Amino acid sequence: MQILNSVCKKSLLDPRTKMLLLSCVSVFVLGNAGGDSAAEFRVALNYLPLLLLIASRRWGIFAYAVFLYTVAYGLACLVMPHCTGLLCYLTLAFSGIILRFLPGILTGMYVVSTTTVSEFICAMEKIHVPDAITIPLSVMFRFFPTVTEEARFINRAMAMRDIRFGGTKVFQMLEYRLIPLMTCSLKIGQELSAASLTRGLGGPDRRTNICKIGFGFWDFVTFILLGAGIAFTVLRAIKII
């Protein structure tokens, strides 16, 4: 029982809440839905991933995210109003990319790192998502962590051969790091797909699951905050507020 509890350890949010949060960040921050009416809601969604990283104790990623946010807002507020031409364009591009893409990346990292495949499949079954969508997404949940681990091993092996930034073979980095990583990624994808089908994900019978998921206090808090933000954006768009 202790092993099963460690495998299905309950996280702060339900997987369905995480997917809803990731969808809202993608639509309102990356997709710029709502325009100026969603400006305040978009700022809140920008900083919400930082709170999730703190809750999941991802201190290293949290520090990098705070640094990038600080640089992006500093350039947008302090540098861009006083520059013109190419420098202004580069500053705008850098700040826009960070502030648009980073929240979605951080939220996706939180979802992938705190959700097991069993929890994700159980959540998809509860909302009756077809297997044609569940199986590729469940493979994705194991694909990115495995590729990250392989990339770390490749970097260590290449560093031992002095193929690194600052080394004597810096121009061989792309060849000796990217090509093995691409080969490993293809092999990992095929193996994970075969493993998923072997475990019966594509079978006609309904699978059982040892993970028990459900909505808790923080899930309802997240629903209320997201609902309030969307309602505020809609009311502001139709000029009621």
Protein backbone atom coordinates (compact mmCIF):
# COMPACT_ATOMS: atom_id res chain seq x y z
CA MET A 1 0.00 0.00 0.00
CA GLN A 2 2.89 2.37 0.73
CA ILE A 3 4.29 1.79 -2.79
CA LEU A 4 0.90 2.55 -4.37
CA ASN A 5 0.57 5.73 -2.32
CA SER A 6 3.99 6.90 -3.47
CA VAL A 7 3.13 6.23 -7.10
CA CYS A 8 -0.22 8.05 -6.88
CA LYS A 9 0.75 10.85 -4.54
CA LYS A 10 -1.95 13.54 -4.48
CA SER A 11 -0.76 16.85 -5.86
CA LEU A 12 -2.07 20.31 -5.04
CA LEU A 13 -4.48 20.44 -8.00
CA ASP A 14 -6.56 17.86 -9.80
CA PRO A 15 -5.31 17.01 -13.32
CA ARG A 16 -8.52 18.43 -14.80
CA THR A 17 -7.92 21.72 -13.01
CA LYS A 18 -4.36 21.79 -14.33
CA MET A 19 -5.56 21.28 -17.90
CA LEU A 20 -8.13 24.05 -17.50
CA LEU A 21 -5.47 26.37 -16.12
CA LEU A 22 -3.12 25.53 -18.99
CA SER A 23 -5.93 26.22 -21.48
CA CYS A 24 -6.68 29.62 -19.93
CA VAL A 25 -3.01 30.62 -19.98
CA SER A 26 -2.70 29.55 -23.62
CA VAL A 27 -5.88 31.33 -24.73
CA PHE A 28 -5.55 34.62 -22.83
CA VAL A 29 -1.76 35.06 -22.60
CA LEU A 30 -0.38 33.39 -25.72
CA GLY A 31 -3.51 33.87 -27.84
CA ASN A 32 -4.18 37.42 -26.54
CA ALA A 33 -7.91 36.67 -26.25
CA GLY A 34 -9.94 39.57 -24.93
CA GLY A 35 -7.49 42.23 -26.06
CA ASP A 36 -7.27 45.24 -23.75
CA SER A 37 -10.31 44.04 -21.78
CA ALA A 38 -8.27 41.12 -20.41
CA ALA A 39 -5.16 43.15 -19.52
CA GLU A 40 -5.47 42.72 -15.74
CA PHE A 41 -6.52 39.08 -16.05
CA ARG A 42 -3.55 38.45 -18.35
CA VAL A 43 -1.11 39.92 -15.80
CA ALA A 44 -2.57 37.65 -13.11
CA LEU A 45 -2.13 34.63 -15.39
CA ASN A 46 1.47 35.70 -16.00
CA TYR A 47 2.32 35.38 -12.32
CA LEU A 48 0.13 32.42 -11.43
CA PRO A 49 2.71 29.88 -12.72
CA LEU A 50 5.22 31.31 -10.23
CA LEU A 51 2.90 30.41 -7.35
CA LEU A 52 2.51 26.91 -8.78
CA LEU A 53 6.29 26.52 -8.97
CA ILE A 54 6.59 27.57 -5.33
CA ALA A 55 3.88 25.09 -4.33
CA SER A 56 5.69 22.28 -6.16
CA ARG A 57 9.09 23.37 -4.71
CA ARG A 58 10.68 23.98 -8.12
CA TRP A 59 13.06 26.59 -6.72
CA GLY A 60 15.57 26.55 -9.57
CA ILE A 61 12.98 27.08 -12.29
CA PHE A 62 11.27 29.69 -10.08
CA ALA A 63 14.50 31.69 -9.80
CA TYR A 64 15.08 31.61 -13.58
CA ALA A 65 11.47 32.64 -14.22
CA VAL A 66 11.66 35.59 -11.81
CA PHE A 67 14.90 36.73 -13.46
CA LEU A 68 13.41 36.56 -16.97
CA TYR A 69 10.21 38.32 -15.87
CA THR A 70 12.24 41.08 -14.22
CA VAL A 71 14.40 41.58 -17.31
CA ALA A 72 11.39 41.56 -19.67
CA TYR A 73 9.34 44.04 -17.63
CA GLY A 74 12.41 46.20 -17.05
CA LEU A 75 13.14 46.42 -20.77
CA ALA A 76 9.48 47.07 -21.61
CA CYS A 77 9.00 49.81 -19.00
CA LEU A 78 12.41 51.46 -18.73
CA VAL A 79 14.31 50.91 -21.98
CA MET A 80 11.75 50.68 -24.78
CA PRO A 81 10.14 54.15 -24.25
CA HIS A 82 13.57 55.80 -24.66
CA CYS A 83 14.87 53.99 -27.75
CA THR A 84 13.97 53.95 -31.42
CA GLY A 85 14.66 51.97 -34.56
CA LEU A 86 16.22 48.53 -34.45
CA LEU A 87 16.95 48.65 -30.71
CA CYS A 88 13.30 49.37 -29.95
CA TYR A 89 12.20 46.52 -32.20
CA LEU A 90 14.62 44.04 -30.58
CA THR A 91 13.55 45.13 -27.09
CA LEU A 92 9.87 44.76 -27.98
CA ALA A 93 10.46 41.34 -29.56
CA PHE A 94 12.41 40.02 -26.58
CA SER A 95 9.92 41.30 -23.99
CA GLY A 96 6.94 40.10 -26.02
CA ILE A 97 8.36 36.60 -26.47
CA ILE A 98 9.15 36.27 -22.74
CA LEU A 99 5.83 37.63 -21.51
CA ARG A 100 3.76 35.69 -24.05
CA PHE A 101 5.49 32.31 -24.16
CA LEU A 102 7.05 31.91 -20.70
CA PRO A 103 3.76 31.63 -18.71
CA GLY A 104 2.54 28.81 -20.94
CA ILE A 105 5.91 27.03 -20.77
CA LEU A 106 6.02 27.29 -16.97
CA THR A 107 2.44 26.07 -16.62
CA GLY A 108 3.13 23.17 -18.97
CA MET A 109 6.24 22.24 -16.98
CA TYR A 110 4.20 22.28 -13.78
CA VAL A 111 1.47 20.09 -15.30
CA VAL A 112 3.93 17.53 -16.71
CA SER A 113 6.16 17.37 -13.62
CA THR A 114 3.34 17.03 -11.06
CA THR A 115 0.97 14.70 -12.95
CA THR A 116 1.61 11.00 -13.37
CA VAL A 117 0.42 9.12 -16.42
CA SER A 118 -2.07 7.15 -14.32
CA GLU A 119 -3.58 10.34 -12.89
CA PHE A 120 -3.83 11.89 -16.34
CA ILE A 121 -5.52 8.82 -17.85
CA CYS A 122 -7.94 8.63 -14.94
CA ALA A 123 -8.83 12.30 -15.40
CA MET A 124 -9.38 11.88 -19.13
CA GLU A 125 -11.62 8.88 -18.53
CA LYS A 126 -13.74 10.85 -16.06
CA ILE A 127 -14.44 13.55 -18.64
CA HIS A 128 -14.98 10.92 -21.38
CA VAL A 129 -12.14 11.96 -23.69
CA PRO A 130 -11.67 9.52 -26.62
CA ASP A 131 -8.68 7.18 -26.59
CA ALA A 132 -7.47 8.75 -29.83
CA ILE A 133 -6.65 11.86 -27.78
CA THR A 134 -5.80 10.24 -24.44
CA ILE A 135 -3.13 7.85 -25.75
CA PRO A 136 -0.96 10.47 -27.58
CA LEU A 137 -1.22 12.85 -24.62
CA SER A 138 -0.31 10.11 -22.12
CA VAL A 139 2.74 9.28 -24.25
CA MET A 140 3.65 12.99 -24.20
CA PHE A 141 3.62 13.03 -20.38
CA ARG A 142 6.44 10.48 -20.34
CA PHE A 143 8.17 11.69 -23.51
CA PHE A 144 9.41 15.09 -22.35
CA PRO A 145 10.88 13.97 -18.97
CA THR A 146 12.60 11.03 -20.68
CA VAL A 147 14.06 13.23 -23.44
CA THR A 148 15.25 15.72 -20.82
CA GLU A 149 17.04 12.93 -18.97
CA GLU A 150 18.64 11.67 -22.18
CA ALA A 151 19.77 15.19 -23.05
CA ARG A 152 21.44 15.49 -19.65
CA PHE A 153 23.31 12.22 -20.20
CA ILE A 154 24.41 13.33 -23.69
CA ASN A 155 25.65 16.66 -22.31
CA ARG A 156 27.72 14.89 -19.68
CA ALA A 157 29.23 12.52 -22.24
CA MET A 158 30.10 15.37 -24.59
CA ALA A 159 31.54 17.49 -21.77
CA MET A 160 33.96 14.65 -21.00
CA ARG A 161 35.16 14.92 -24.60
CA ASP A 162 35.53 18.72 -24.28
CA ILE A 163 32.61 19.31 -26.67
CA ARG A 164 31.02 22.20 -24.79
CA PHE A 165 30.78 25.98 -24.69
CA GLY A 166 34.25 27.30 -23.97
CA GLY A 167 35.91 24.06 -25.04
CA THR A 168 38.21 23.44 -27.97
CA LYS A 169 35.51 21.66 -30.03
CA VAL A 170 32.69 24.13 -29.69
CA PHE A 171 31.74 23.93 -33.40
CA GLN A 172 31.03 20.21 -33.06
CA MET A 173 28.32 20.79 -30.45
CA LEU A 174 25.43 20.81 -32.94
CA GLU A 175 26.57 17.64 -34.65
CA TYR A 176 27.48 15.59 -31.58
CA ARG A 177 24.61 16.71 -29.35
CA LEU A 178 21.60 17.39 -31.55
CA ILE A 179 21.88 14.33 -33.78
CA PRO A 180 22.08 11.83 -30.86
CA LEU A 181 19.23 13.68 -29.16
CA MET A 182 17.04 13.50 -32.29
CA THR A 183 17.80 9.79 -32.67
CA CYS A 184 16.99 9.12 -29.01
CA SER A 185 13.78 11.16 -29.25
CA LEU A 186 12.53 9.06 -32.18
CA LYS A 187 13.37 5.82 -30.39
CA ILE A 188 11.80 7.01 -27.11
CA GLY A 189 8.57 7.97 -28.87
CA GLN A 190 8.29 4.55 -30.51
CA GLU A 191 9.04 2.71 -27.26
CA LEU A 192 6.54 4.75 -25.24
CA SER A 193 3.83 4.21 -27.85
CA ALA A 194 4.47 0.47 -27.80
CA ALA A 195 4.45 0.45 -24.00
CA SER A 196 1.12 2.30 -23.90
CA LEU A 197 -0.51 -0.17 -26.28
CA THR A 198 1.01 -3.11 -24.36
CA ARG A 199 -0.64 -1.86 -21.18
CA GLY A 200 -4.03 -1.99 -22.86
CA LEU A 201 -4.67 1.68 -23.58
CA GLY A 202 -5.96 0.84 -27.05
CA GLY A 203 -8.09 -2.10 -25.98
CA PRO A 204 -11.90 -2.20 -26.17
CA ASP A 205 -12.40 -2.92 -22.45
CA ARG A 206 -12.47 -0.24 -19.79
CA ARG A 207 -9.24 -0.15 -17.77
CA THR A 208 -9.10 0.05 -14.00
CA ASN A 209 -6.89 2.60 -12.25
CA ILE A 210 -5.28 2.55 -8.82
CA CYS A 211 -5.16 6.36 -8.67
CA LYS A 212 -8.03 8.17 -7.02
CA ILE A 213 -8.44 11.76 -8.11
CA GLY A 214 -10.96 14.38 -7.09
CA PHE A 215 -11.48 18.09 -6.60
CA GLY A 216 -10.23 19.66 -3.39
CA PHE A 217 -10.15 23.06 -1.76
CA TRP A 218 -7.50 24.56 -4.04
CA ASP A 219 -9.30 23.27 -7.12
CA PHE A 220 -12.43 25.20 -6.15
CA VAL A 221 -10.31 28.29 -5.38
CA THR A 222 -8.76 28.03 -8.85
CA PHE A 223 -12.18 27.63 -10.50
CA ILE A 224 -13.51 30.69 -8.66
CA LEU A 225 -10.51 32.84 -9.59
CA LEU A 226 -10.55 31.80 -13.25
CA GLY A 227 -14.32 32.26 -13.46
CA ALA A 228 -14.08 35.71 -11.87
CA GLY A 229 -11.31 36.72 -14.27
CA ILE A 230 -13.21 35.53 -17.34
CA ALA A 231 -16.43 37.18 -16.13
CA PHE A 232 -14.59 40.46 -15.50
CA THR A 233 -13.08 40.30 -19.00
CA VAL A 234 -16.46 39.63 -20.64
CA LEU A 235 -18.24 42.38 -18.69
CA ARG A 236 -15.47 44.84 -19.50
CA ALA A 237 -15.56 43.87 -23.19
CA ILE A 238 -19.28 44.64 -23.43
CA LYS A 239 -18.68 47.88 -21.49
CA ILE A 240 -20.75 46.99 -18.43
CA ILE A 241 -17.74 47.61 -16.17
